Amino acid sequence: IPLYIILGIVCGVIGISFQKSILKSLNFYQQKLSFIPAWTHGGIAGFLTGIVALWLPEAIGEGHATLEGTLAQAYIWWMIPLIFLFKYILTLVACGSGVPGGIFAPSLILGALLGAMFGNSLNSLFPFLDLNPSTFAFVGMGAFFTAISRAPITSIVMLFELTGNYDLVLPLMFSCIIANVTSEKLHVGGIYE
């Protein structure tokens, strides 16, 4: 449980960073790129996404395949931070451009990647614990979404319904509540406000 509490804190801090970055991205397009016609902003986002898609297709799209790969531990450990970084950046680029596909699915994918990174790091540091990074990925999904939305009960119920695993309920509850408290202490209000 203490490890899931730490994951909740990590998700809370990075979730606030994500929330603030989305707002900065919107301001960047509106203020810094105001000399470019607004109708081209979507083209800029599409162009950058296309470049990334050429060599890292896991970072684009709705992310179902990426999520499945993360949960199945199909990626080499160094791929997960790379996918996280580019998914994070491309979500900001798309949201700022005015043609986002939403932030719900990307937040779940980012949370799963963050949880998997956390679980893999713990396994590297403490191999005798023999932890399952997939469990941390599931919990990370809920905690990260909680951090940006401030909806811990929704996250807990949603993730429980996805897994049907009663063993995840307690870690999920701790991580989501801690992510909620951490993010609320750092910045009042969720992204949907």
N, C-alpha and C. Protein backbone atom coordinates (compact mmCIF):
# COMPACT_ATOMS: atom_id res chain seq x y z
N ILE A 1 0.82 -1.21 0.00
CA ILE A 1 0.00 0.00 0.00
C ILE A 1 0.86 1.27 0.00
N PRO A 2 1.97 1.32 0.76
CA PRO A 2 2.78 2.54 0.71
C PRO A 2 3.28 2.88 -0.70
N LEU A 3 3.55 1.86 -1.49
CA LEU A 3 4.01 2.11 -2.87
C LEU A 3 2.90 2.74 -3.71
N TYR A 4 1.67 2.33 -3.48
CA TYR A 4 0.54 2.91 -4.21
C TYR A 4 0.25 4.34 -3.74
N ILE A 5 0.55 4.61 -2.48
CA ILE A 5 0.41 5.98 -1.98
C ILE A 5 1.44 6.88 -2.67
N ILE A 6 2.66 6.38 -2.81
CA ILE A 6 3.70 7.15 -3.52
C ILE A 6 3.28 7.36 -4.98
N LEU A 7 2.73 6.32 -5.60
CA LEU A 7 2.25 6.46 -6.98
C LEU A 7 1.17 7.53 -7.07
N GLY A 8 0.29 7.60 -6.08
CA GLY A 8 -0.74 8.63 -6.05
C GLY A 8 -0.15 10.03 -5.99
N ILE A 9 0.91 10.19 -5.21
CA ILE A 9 1.58 11.50 -5.12
C ILE A 9 2.21 11.85 -6.47
N VAL A 10 2.90 10.88 -7.06
CA VAL A 10 3.53 11.11 -8.37
C VAL A 10 2.49 11.49 -9.42
N CYS A 11 1.38 10.74 -9.45
CA CYS A 11 0.31 11.05 -10.42
C CYS A 11 -0.30 12.41 -10.14
N GLY A 12 -0.44 12.77 -8.88
CA GLY A 12 -0.98 14.09 -8.53
C GLY A 12 -0.10 15.22 -9.04
N VAL A 13 1.20 15.08 -8.84
CA VAL A 13 2.13 16.13 -9.27
C VAL A 13 2.19 16.22 -10.80
N ILE A 14 2.33 15.08 -11.46
CA ILE A 14 2.42 15.11 -12.93
C ILE A 14 1.07 15.46 -13.55
N GLY A 15 -0.02 15.08 -12.89
CA GLY A 15 -1.35 15.47 -13.38
C GLY A 15 -1.54 16.98 -13.37
N ILE A 16 -1.05 17.65 -12.35
CA ILE A 16 -1.13 19.11 -12.29
C ILE A 16 -0.26 19.72 -13.38
N SER A 17 0.90 19.14 -13.60
CA SER A 17 1.76 19.61 -14.68
C SER A 17 1.05 19.48 -16.03
N PHE A 18 0.36 18.37 -16.23
CA PHE A 18 -0.39 18.14 -17.46
C PHE A 18 -1.51 19.17 -17.61
N GLN A 19 -2.24 19.39 -16.54
CA GLN A 19 -3.35 20.35 -16.56
C GLN A 19 -2.85 21.76 -16.89
N LYS A 20 -1.78 22.19 -16.24
CA LYS A 20 -1.23 23.52 -16.50
C LYS A 20 -0.65 23.61 -17.91
N SER A 21 -0.06 22.53 -18.38
CA SER A 21 0.51 22.52 -19.72
C SER A 21 -0.57 22.65 -20.80
N ILE A 22 -1.73 22.06 -20.56
CA ILE A 22 -2.83 22.20 -21.53
C ILE A 22 -3.25 23.66 -21.61
N LEU A 23 -3.36 24.32 -20.47
CA LEU A 23 -3.74 25.73 -20.48
C LEU A 23 -2.67 26.59 -21.15
N LYS A 24 -1.41 26.28 -20.92
CA LYS A 24 -0.32 27.01 -21.58
C LYS A 24 -0.33 26.77 -23.09
N SER A 25 -0.67 25.56 -23.49
CA SER A 25 -0.75 25.24 -24.92
C SER A 25 -1.85 26.05 -25.59
N LEU A 26 -3.00 26.14 -24.93
CA LEU A 26 -4.10 26.95 -25.48
C LEU A 26 -3.68 28.41 -25.62
N ASN A 27 -3.02 28.94 -24.59
CA ASN A 27 -2.54 30.32 -24.65
C ASN A 27 -1.48 30.51 -25.72
N PHE A 28 -0.61 29.54 -25.89
CA PHE A 28 0.44 29.63 -26.90
C PHE A 28 -0.16 29.78 -28.30
N TYR A 29 -1.13 28.93 -28.62
CA TYR A 29 -1.77 29.02 -29.93
C TYR A 29 -2.51 30.34 -30.12
N GLN A 30 -3.19 30.79 -29.05
CA GLN A 30 -4.01 32.00 -29.16
C GLN A 30 -3.18 33.28 -29.18
N GLN A 31 -2.06 33.29 -28.46
CA GLN A 31 -1.29 34.53 -28.35
C GLN A 31 -0.04 34.51 -29.21
N LYS A 32 0.77 33.48 -29.09
CA LYS A 32 2.05 33.46 -29.80
C LYS A 32 1.89 33.13 -31.28
N LEU A 33 0.88 32.36 -31.61
CA LEU A 33 0.66 32.01 -33.01
C LEU A 33 -0.52 32.77 -33.61
N SER A 34 -0.84 33.91 -33.03
CA SER A 34 -1.99 34.68 -33.52
C SER A 34 -1.75 35.24 -34.93
N PHE A 35 -0.49 35.34 -35.34
CA PHE A 35 -0.19 35.85 -36.69
C PHE A 35 -0.48 34.80 -37.77
N ILE A 36 -0.65 33.54 -37.36
CA ILE A 36 -1.01 32.47 -38.30
C ILE A 36 -2.52 32.29 -38.24
N PRO A 37 -3.18 32.14 -39.38
CA PRO A 37 -4.65 31.96 -39.36
C PRO A 37 -5.04 30.75 -38.50
N ALA A 38 -6.11 30.90 -37.74
CA ALA A 38 -6.56 29.85 -36.82
C ALA A 38 -6.87 28.55 -37.53
N TRP A 39 -7.30 28.62 -38.79
CA TRP A 39 -7.65 27.39 -39.50
C TRP A 39 -6.41 26.53 -39.81
N THR A 40 -5.22 27.09 -39.69
CA THR A 40 -4.00 26.30 -39.95
C THR A 40 -3.49 25.60 -38.69
N HIS A 41 -4.01 25.96 -37.54
CA HIS A 41 -3.52 25.37 -36.29
C HIS A 41 -3.70 23.85 -36.27
N GLY A 42 -4.81 23.38 -36.78
CA GLY A 42 -5.04 21.93 -36.86
C GLY A 42 -4.03 21.27 -37.78
N GLY A 43 -3.64 21.97 -38.84
CA GLY A 43 -2.63 21.44 -39.76
C GLY A 43 -1.27 21.31 -39.09
N ILE A 44 -0.94 22.28 -38.24
CA ILE A 44 0.32 22.22 -37.50
C ILE A 44 0.32 20.99 -36.59
N ALA A 45 -0.78 20.80 -35.88
CA ALA A 45 -0.89 19.64 -34.98
C ALA A 45 -0.82 18.34 -35.77
N GLY A 46 -1.51 18.29 -36.90
CA GLY A 46 -1.49 17.10 -37.74
C GLY A 46 -0.11 16.80 -38.30
N PHE A 47 0.59 17.84 -38.71
CA PHE A 47 1.94 17.68 -39.26
C PHE A 47 2.88 17.11 -38.20
N LEU A 48 2.86 17.68 -37.00
CA LEU A 48 3.72 17.19 -35.93
C LEU A 48 3.36 15.75 -35.52
N THR A 49 2.07 15.47 -35.50
CA THR A 49 1.63 14.11 -35.17
C THR A 49 2.10 13.13 -36.23
N GLY A 50 2.03 13.53 -37.49
CA GLY A 50 2.48 12.67 -38.58
C GLY A 50 3.96 12.35 -38.51
N ILE A 51 4.75 13.35 -38.15
CA ILE A 51 6.19 13.13 -38.01
C ILE A 51 6.47 12.10 -36.92
N VAL A 52 5.81 12.26 -35.78
CA VAL A 52 6.00 11.32 -34.68
C VAL A 52 5.50 9.93 -35.08
N ALA A 53 4.40 9.87 -35.82
CA ALA A 53 3.81 8.59 -36.22
C ALA A 53 4.75 7.76 -37.08
N LEU A 54 5.65 8.42 -37.79
CA LEU A 54 6.58 7.70 -38.66
C LEU A 54 7.51 6.78 -37.87
N TRP A 55 7.90 7.19 -36.69
CA TRP A 55 8.85 6.37 -35.94
C TRP A 55 8.36 5.93 -34.57
N LEU A 56 7.22 6.45 -34.09
CA LEU A 56 6.68 6.01 -32.81
C LEU A 56 5.14 6.00 -32.87
N PRO A 57 4.57 5.07 -33.62
CA PRO A 57 3.11 5.06 -33.79
C PRO A 57 2.34 4.79 -32.49
N GLU A 58 3.01 4.25 -31.48
CA GLU A 58 2.34 3.99 -30.20
C GLU A 58 1.91 5.26 -29.49
N ALA A 59 2.50 6.39 -29.88
CA ALA A 59 2.22 7.66 -29.19
C ALA A 59 1.05 8.42 -29.82
N ILE A 60 0.47 7.90 -30.88
CA ILE A 60 -0.61 8.63 -31.54
C ILE A 60 -1.92 7.83 -31.46
N GLY A 61 -2.99 8.47 -31.89
CA GLY A 61 -4.28 7.81 -31.98
C GLY A 61 -4.99 7.70 -30.64
N GLU A 62 -6.05 6.89 -30.65
CA GLU A 62 -6.87 6.76 -29.44
C GLU A 62 -6.16 5.98 -28.35
N GLY A 63 -5.18 5.17 -28.71
CA GLY A 63 -4.31 4.54 -27.73
C GLY A 63 -4.72 3.19 -27.19
N HIS A 64 -5.76 2.56 -27.77
CA HIS A 64 -6.17 1.26 -27.24
C HIS A 64 -5.05 0.23 -27.37
N ALA A 65 -4.37 0.21 -28.50
CA ALA A 65 -3.27 -0.74 -28.70
C ALA A 65 -2.12 -0.43 -27.73
N THR A 66 -1.85 0.84 -27.53
CA THR A 66 -0.79 1.24 -26.60
C THR A 66 -1.15 0.81 -25.18
N LEU A 67 -2.39 1.02 -24.81
CA LEU A 67 -2.85 0.63 -23.47
C LEU A 67 -2.74 -0.88 -23.29
N GLU A 68 -3.19 -1.63 -24.29
CA GLU A 68 -3.10 -3.09 -24.20
C GLU A 68 -1.65 -3.56 -24.11
N GLY A 69 -0.78 -2.92 -24.91
CA GLY A 69 0.64 -3.27 -24.87
C GLY A 69 1.28 -2.96 -23.53
N THR A 70 0.88 -1.84 -22.95
CA THR A 70 1.42 -1.45 -21.65
C THR A 70 0.97 -2.43 -20.57
N LEU A 71 -0.30 -2.76 -20.57
CA LEU A 71 -0.83 -3.66 -19.55
C LEU A 71 -0.31 -5.09 -19.72
N ALA A 72 -0.01 -5.47 -20.97
CA ALA A 72 0.52 -6.81 -21.23
C ALA A 72 2.04 -6.87 -21.08
N GLN A 73 2.64 -5.73 -20.73
CA GLN A 73 4.10 -5.61 -20.58
C GLN A 73 4.81 -5.99 -21.88
N ALA A 74 4.27 -5.53 -23.00
CA ALA A 74 4.80 -5.86 -24.31
C ALA A 74 5.93 -4.93 -24.76
N TYR A 75 6.16 -3.86 -24.02
CA TYR A 75 7.18 -2.89 -24.41
C TYR A 75 8.45 -3.06 -23.59
N ILE A 76 9.57 -2.82 -24.26
CA ILE A 76 10.85 -2.78 -23.55
C ILE A 76 10.79 -1.61 -22.58
N TRP A 77 11.44 -1.72 -21.45
CA TRP A 77 11.32 -0.73 -20.38
C TRP A 77 11.60 0.69 -20.86
N TRP A 78 12.56 0.90 -21.76
CA TRP A 78 12.91 2.26 -22.19
C TRP A 78 11.91 2.85 -23.17
N MET A 79 11.04 2.00 -23.75
CA MET A 79 10.02 2.50 -24.67
C MET A 79 8.90 3.23 -23.93
N ILE A 80 8.61 2.80 -22.72
CA ILE A 80 7.49 3.37 -21.97
C ILE A 80 7.68 4.86 -21.69
N PRO A 81 8.83 5.30 -21.17
CA PRO A 81 9.01 6.75 -20.98
C PRO A 81 8.99 7.53 -22.30
N LEU A 82 9.49 6.92 -23.36
CA LEU A 82 9.49 7.58 -24.67
C LEU A 82 8.06 7.77 -25.18
N ILE A 83 7.25 6.73 -25.07
CA ILE A 83 5.85 6.82 -25.49
C ILE A 83 5.13 7.85 -24.61
N PHE A 84 5.39 7.82 -23.31
CA PHE A 84 4.76 8.78 -22.39
C PHE A 84 5.08 10.20 -22.81
N LEU A 85 6.35 10.49 -23.04
CA LEU A 85 6.78 11.84 -23.39
C LEU A 85 6.09 12.34 -24.66
N PHE A 86 6.09 11.52 -25.69
CA PHE A 86 5.50 11.97 -26.96
C PHE A 86 3.98 12.01 -26.91
N LYS A 87 3.34 11.10 -26.17
CA LYS A 87 1.88 11.15 -26.01
C LYS A 87 1.50 12.43 -25.25
N TYR A 88 2.27 12.77 -24.24
CA TYR A 88 2.05 13.98 -23.45
C TYR A 88 2.15 15.21 -24.35
N ILE A 89 3.23 15.29 -25.11
CA ILE A 89 3.46 16.45 -25.98
C ILE A 89 2.40 16.54 -27.08
N LEU A 90 2.09 15.42 -27.72
CA LEU A 90 1.10 15.45 -28.81
C LEU A 90 -0.30 15.79 -28.30
N THR A 91 -0.62 15.38 -27.09
CA THR A 91 -1.92 15.76 -26.52
C THR A 91 -1.97 17.27 -26.31
N LEU A 92 -0.88 17.85 -25.85
CA LEU A 92 -0.83 19.31 -25.67
C LEU A 92 -0.93 20.03 -27.00
N VAL A 93 -0.23 19.53 -28.00
CA VAL A 93 -0.26 20.14 -29.33
C VAL A 93 -1.67 20.10 -29.91
N ALA A 94 -2.33 18.95 -29.77
CA ALA A 94 -3.69 18.81 -30.30
C ALA A 94 -4.69 19.69 -29.54
N CYS A 95 -4.60 19.69 -28.22
CA CYS A 95 -5.53 20.50 -27.42
C CYS A 95 -5.36 21.98 -27.70
N GLY A 96 -4.14 22.44 -27.77
CA GLY A 96 -3.88 23.85 -28.03
C GLY A 96 -4.33 24.29 -29.41
N SER A 97 -4.29 23.38 -30.37
CA SER A 97 -4.63 23.73 -31.75
C SER A 97 -6.11 23.99 -31.95
N GLY A 98 -6.92 23.52 -31.03
CA GLY A 98 -8.36 23.71 -31.17
C GLY A 98 -9.06 22.53 -31.80
N VAL A 99 -8.33 21.48 -32.13
CA VAL A 99 -8.94 20.29 -32.72
C VAL A 99 -8.59 19.04 -31.91
N PRO A 100 -8.79 19.11 -30.59
CA PRO A 100 -8.42 17.94 -29.79
C PRO A 100 -9.44 16.81 -29.95
N GLY A 101 -8.98 15.63 -29.69
CA GLY A 101 -9.87 14.49 -29.67
C GLY A 101 -10.37 14.25 -28.26
N GLY A 102 -10.06 15.16 -27.35
CA GLY A 102 -10.43 15.02 -25.95
C GLY A 102 -9.22 14.71 -25.11
N ILE A 103 -9.41 14.73 -23.80
CA ILE A 103 -8.30 14.41 -22.90
C ILE A 103 -8.60 13.20 -22.02
N PHE A 104 -9.79 12.63 -22.14
CA PHE A 104 -10.14 11.48 -21.32
C PHE A 104 -9.26 10.28 -21.66
N ALA A 105 -9.28 9.84 -22.91
CA ALA A 105 -8.48 8.68 -23.30
C ALA A 105 -6.99 8.94 -23.13
N PRO A 106 -6.47 10.10 -23.58
CA PRO A 106 -5.03 10.33 -23.34
C PRO A 106 -4.66 10.31 -21.87
N SER A 107 -5.55 10.81 -20.99
CA SER A 107 -5.20 10.80 -19.57
C SER A 107 -5.13 9.37 -19.03
N LEU A 108 -5.99 8.50 -19.51
CA LEU A 108 -5.92 7.10 -19.08
C LEU A 108 -4.64 6.44 -19.57
N ILE A 109 -4.28 6.72 -20.81
CA ILE A 109 -3.07 6.12 -21.38
C ILE A 109 -1.83 6.67 -20.68
N LEU A 110 -1.80 7.98 -20.47
CA LEU A 110 -0.67 8.57 -19.75
C LEU A 110 -0.55 8.00 -18.34
N GLY A 111 -1.68 7.81 -17.68
CA GLY A 111 -1.67 7.23 -16.35
C GLY A 111 -1.16 5.80 -16.34
N ALA A 112 -1.57 5.02 -17.33
CA ALA A 112 -1.09 3.64 -17.43
C ALA A 112 0.42 3.61 -17.68
N LEU A 113 0.89 4.47 -18.57
CA LEU A 113 2.32 4.53 -18.86
C LEU A 113 3.10 4.98 -17.63
N LEU A 114 2.56 5.96 -16.92
CA LEU A 114 3.21 6.46 -15.70
C LEU A 114 3.28 5.36 -14.64
N GLY A 115 2.17 4.65 -14.47
CA GLY A 115 2.15 3.54 -13.51
C GLY A 115 3.11 2.42 -13.90
N ALA A 116 3.18 2.11 -15.19
CA ALA A 116 4.11 1.08 -15.66
C ALA A 116 5.56 1.51 -15.44
N MET A 117 5.85 2.80 -15.70
CA MET A 117 7.20 3.30 -15.43
C MET A 117 7.54 3.16 -13.95
N PHE A 118 6.57 3.51 -13.11
CA PHE A 118 6.77 3.42 -11.66
C PHE A 118 7.02 1.97 -11.25
N GLY A 119 6.19 1.06 -11.74
CA GLY A 119 6.34 -0.36 -11.41
C GLY A 119 7.66 -0.93 -11.91
N ASN A 120 8.05 -0.56 -13.13
CA ASN A 120 9.34 -1.03 -13.68
C ASN A 120 10.51 -0.49 -12.87
N SER A 121 10.42 0.77 -12.45
CA SER A 121 11.48 1.37 -11.64
C SER A 121 11.61 0.65 -10.31
N LEU A 122 10.47 0.34 -9.69
CA LEU A 122 10.51 -0.38 -8.42
C LEU A 122 11.12 -1.77 -8.59
N ASN A 123 10.79 -2.43 -9.70
CA ASN A 123 11.37 -3.75 -9.96
C ASN A 123 12.87 -3.67 -10.16
N SER A 124 13.34 -2.59 -10.79
CA SER A 124 14.78 -2.42 -10.98
C SER A 124 15.50 -2.15 -9.66
N LEU A 125 14.87 -1.32 -8.83
CA LEU A 125 15.49 -0.96 -7.55
C LEU A 125 15.37 -2.06 -6.50
N PHE A 126 14.23 -2.74 -6.50
CA PHE A 126 13.95 -3.76 -5.49
C PHE A 126 13.47 -5.05 -6.16
N PRO A 127 14.36 -5.76 -6.85
CA PRO A 127 13.93 -6.96 -7.60
C PRO A 127 13.36 -8.06 -6.70
N PHE A 128 13.73 -8.07 -5.44
CA PHE A 128 13.24 -9.10 -4.51
C PHE A 128 11.74 -8.94 -4.22
N LEU A 129 11.17 -7.76 -4.48
CA LEU A 129 9.73 -7.57 -4.25
C LEU A 129 8.88 -8.27 -5.30
N ASP A 130 9.46 -8.48 -6.49
CA ASP A 130 8.78 -9.17 -7.60
C ASP A 130 7.39 -8.57 -7.86
N LEU A 131 7.37 -7.26 -8.14
CA LEU A 131 6.12 -6.54 -8.37
C LEU A 131 5.66 -6.68 -9.80
N ASN A 132 4.36 -6.57 -10.01
CA ASN A 132 3.79 -6.64 -11.34
C ASN A 132 3.53 -5.21 -11.85
N PRO A 133 4.29 -4.74 -12.86
CA PRO A 133 4.10 -3.38 -13.37
C PRO A 133 2.69 -3.16 -13.95
N SER A 134 2.03 -4.21 -14.38
CA SER A 134 0.67 -4.06 -14.92
C SER A 134 -0.30 -3.58 -13.84
N THR A 135 -0.11 -4.04 -12.63
CA THR A 135 -0.97 -3.60 -11.53
C THR A 135 -0.78 -2.10 -11.29
N PHE A 136 0.46 -1.66 -11.32
CA PHE A 136 0.74 -0.24 -11.16
C PHE A 136 0.19 0.56 -12.34
N ALA A 137 0.20 -0.05 -13.53
CA ALA A 137 -0.35 0.63 -14.71
C ALA A 137 -1.86 0.84 -14.55
N PHE A 138 -2.57 -0.18 -14.08
CA PHE A 138 -4.02 -0.03 -13.86
C PHE A 138 -4.30 1.04 -12.82
N VAL A 139 -3.59 0.99 -11.72
CA VAL A 139 -3.80 1.96 -10.65
C VAL A 139 -3.40 3.36 -11.13
N GLY A 140 -2.32 3.45 -11.91
CA GLY A 140 -1.88 4.73 -12.46
C GLY A 140 -2.94 5.37 -13.35
N MET A 141 -3.68 4.56 -14.09
CA MET A 141 -4.76 5.09 -14.92
C MET A 141 -5.76 5.87 -14.08
N GLY A 142 -6.20 5.25 -13.01
CA GLY A 142 -7.19 5.88 -12.14
C GLY A 142 -6.63 7.09 -11.41
N ALA A 143 -5.40 6.97 -10.92
CA ALA A 143 -4.81 8.06 -10.14
C ALA A 143 -4.53 9.28 -11.02
N PHE A 144 -4.04 9.06 -12.23
CA PHE A 144 -3.75 10.20 -13.10
C PHE A 144 -5.03 10.90 -13.55
N PHE A 145 -6.05 10.10 -13.89
CA PHE A 145 -7.33 10.71 -14.27
C PHE A 145 -7.92 11.47 -13.08
N THR A 146 -7.80 10.93 -11.89
CA THR A 146 -8.27 11.63 -10.69
C THR A 146 -7.55 12.96 -10.53
N ALA A 147 -6.24 12.95 -10.75
CA ALA A 147 -5.45 14.17 -10.56
C ALA A 147 -5.89 15.30 -11.48
N ILE A 148 -6.30 14.98 -12.70
CA ILE A 148 -6.70 16.05 -13.61
C ILE A 148 -8.19 16.36 -13.55
N SER A 149 -8.99 15.41 -13.11
CA SER A 149 -10.45 15.62 -13.11
C SER A 149 -11.03 15.91 -11.74
N ARG A 150 -10.33 15.51 -10.69
CA ARG A 150 -10.80 15.60 -9.30
C ARG A 150 -12.07 14.77 -9.11
N ALA A 151 -12.08 13.59 -9.71
CA ALA A 151 -13.22 12.69 -9.60
C ALA A 151 -12.73 11.30 -9.15
N PRO A 152 -12.32 11.18 -7.87
CA PRO A 152 -11.75 9.90 -7.43
C PRO A 152 -12.73 8.74 -7.44
N ILE A 153 -13.98 8.99 -7.06
CA ILE A 153 -14.97 7.90 -7.03
C ILE A 153 -15.22 7.39 -8.45
N THR A 154 -15.33 8.31 -9.39
CA THR A 154 -15.52 7.92 -10.79
C THR A 154 -14.35 7.06 -11.26
N SER A 155 -13.15 7.48 -10.94
CA SER A 155 -11.96 6.72 -11.36
C SER A 155 -11.93 5.33 -10.74
N ILE A 156 -12.24 5.26 -9.46
CA ILE A 156 -12.21 3.96 -8.77
C ILE A 156 -13.24 3.01 -9.37
N VAL A 157 -14.46 3.49 -9.54
CA VAL A 157 -15.53 2.64 -10.09
C VAL A 157 -15.21 2.25 -11.53
N MET A 158 -14.74 3.21 -12.32
CA MET A 158 -14.44 2.94 -13.73
C MET A 158 -13.35 1.86 -13.86
N LEU A 159 -12.28 1.99 -13.10
CA LEU A 159 -11.18 1.02 -13.18
C LEU A 159 -11.59 -0.33 -12.63
N PHE A 160 -12.41 -0.33 -11.59
CA PHE A 160 -12.88 -1.61 -11.07
C PHE A 160 -13.75 -2.31 -12.11
N GLU A 161 -14.59 -1.55 -12.80
CA GLU A 161 -15.43 -2.14 -13.83
C GLU A 161 -14.60 -2.67 -15.00
N LEU A 162 -13.50 -1.99 -15.31
CA LEU A 162 -12.63 -2.45 -16.39
C LEU A 162 -11.95 -3.77 -16.05
N THR A 163 -11.54 -3.91 -14.79
CA THR A 163 -10.77 -5.10 -14.41
C THR A 163 -11.62 -6.18 -13.76
N GLY A 164 -12.59 -5.77 -12.96
CA GLY A 164 -13.37 -6.75 -12.20
C GLY A 164 -12.53 -7.44 -11.13
N ASN A 165 -11.38 -6.85 -10.80
CA ASN A 165 -10.44 -7.45 -9.87
C ASN A 165 -10.58 -6.79 -8.50
N TYR A 166 -11.09 -7.54 -7.54
CA TYR A 166 -11.29 -7.00 -6.19
C TYR A 166 -9.96 -6.68 -5.50
N ASP A 167 -8.89 -7.35 -5.90
CA ASP A 167 -7.59 -7.10 -5.28
C ASP A 167 -7.05 -5.71 -5.59
N LEU A 168 -7.54 -5.09 -6.66
CA LEU A 168 -7.08 -3.76 -7.04
C LEU A 168 -7.84 -2.63 -6.35
N VAL A 169 -8.96 -2.94 -5.71
CA VAL A 169 -9.81 -1.90 -5.16
C VAL A 169 -9.09 -1.09 -4.08
N LEU A 170 -8.46 -1.75 -3.13
CA LEU A 170 -7.80 -1.02 -2.05
C LEU A 170 -6.62 -0.18 -2.56
N PRO A 171 -5.70 -0.75 -3.37
CA PRO A 171 -4.63 0.10 -3.90
C PRO A 171 -5.17 1.25 -4.75
N LEU A 172 -6.21 0.98 -5.51
CA LEU A 172 -6.83 2.00 -6.35
C LEU A 172 -7.42 3.12 -5.50
N MET A 173 -8.09 2.75 -4.42
CA MET A 173 -8.68 3.75 -3.53
C MET A 173 -7.60 4.63 -2.91
N PHE A 174 -6.56 4.03 -2.38
CA PHE A 174 -5.48 4.80 -1.77
C PHE A 174 -4.84 5.74 -2.78
N SER A 175 -4.49 5.19 -3.94
CA SER A 175 -3.78 5.97 -4.94
C SER A 175 -4.63 7.11 -5.48
N CYS A 176 -5.90 6.85 -5.75
CA CYS A 176 -6.78 7.90 -6.28
C CYS A 176 -7.04 9.00 -5.25
N ILE A 177 -7.28 8.63 -4.02
CA ILE A 177 -7.53 9.64 -2.99
C ILE A 177 -6.29 10.49 -2.76
N ILE A 178 -5.12 9.85 -2.69
CA ILE A 178 -3.88 10.60 -2.50
C ILE A 178 -3.60 11.50 -3.71
N ALA A 179 -3.85 11.01 -4.92
CA ALA A 179 -3.67 11.83 -6.12
C ALA A 179 -4.60 13.04 -6.09
N ASN A 180 -5.82 12.82 -5.62
CA ASN A 180 -6.80 13.91 -5.52
C ASN A 180 -6.35 14.97 -4.52
N VAL A 181 -5.91 14.51 -3.34
CA VAL A 181 -5.47 15.44 -2.31
C VAL A 181 -4.22 16.20 -2.77
N THR A 182 -3.26 15.47 -3.34
CA THR A 182 -2.01 16.09 -3.81
C THR A 182 -2.29 17.15 -4.86
N SER A 183 -3.09 16.80 -5.85
CA SER A 183 -3.35 17.75 -6.94
C SER A 183 -4.17 18.94 -6.46
N GLU A 184 -5.08 18.71 -5.53
CA GLU A 184 -5.89 19.82 -5.01
C GLU A 184 -5.03 20.78 -4.17
N LYS A 185 -4.03 20.24 -3.49
CA LYS A 185 -3.13 21.10 -2.71
C LYS A 185 -2.26 21.96 -3.64
N LEU A 186 -1.91 21.41 -4.80
CA LEU A 186 -1.05 22.12 -5.73
C LEU A 186 -1.81 23.11 -6.61
N HIS A 187 -3.07 22.78 -6.93
CA HIS A 187 -3.86 23.65 -7.81
C HIS A 187 -5.33 23.34 -7.60
N VAL A 188 -6.09 24.33 -7.24
CA VAL A 188 -7.52 24.14 -6.95
C VAL A 188 -8.28 23.99 -8.26
N GLY A 189 -9.10 22.96 -8.35
CA GLY A 189 -9.96 22.76 -9.50
C GLY A 189 -9.38 21.84 -10.55
N GLY A 190 -10.26 21.02 -11.11
CA GLY A 190 -9.86 20.08 -12.16
C GLY A 190 -9.86 20.72 -13.54
N ILE A 191 -9.41 19.98 -14.51
CA ILE A 191 -9.30 20.46 -15.88
C ILE A 191 -10.68 20.77 -16.49
N TYR A 192 -11.68 20.05 -16.07
CA TYR A 192 -13.01 20.26 -16.64
C TYR A 192 -13.69 21.51 -16.10
N GLU A 193 -13.12 22.11 -15.07
CA GLU A 193 -13.64 23.37 -14.56
C GLU A 193 -13.07 24.53 -15.34
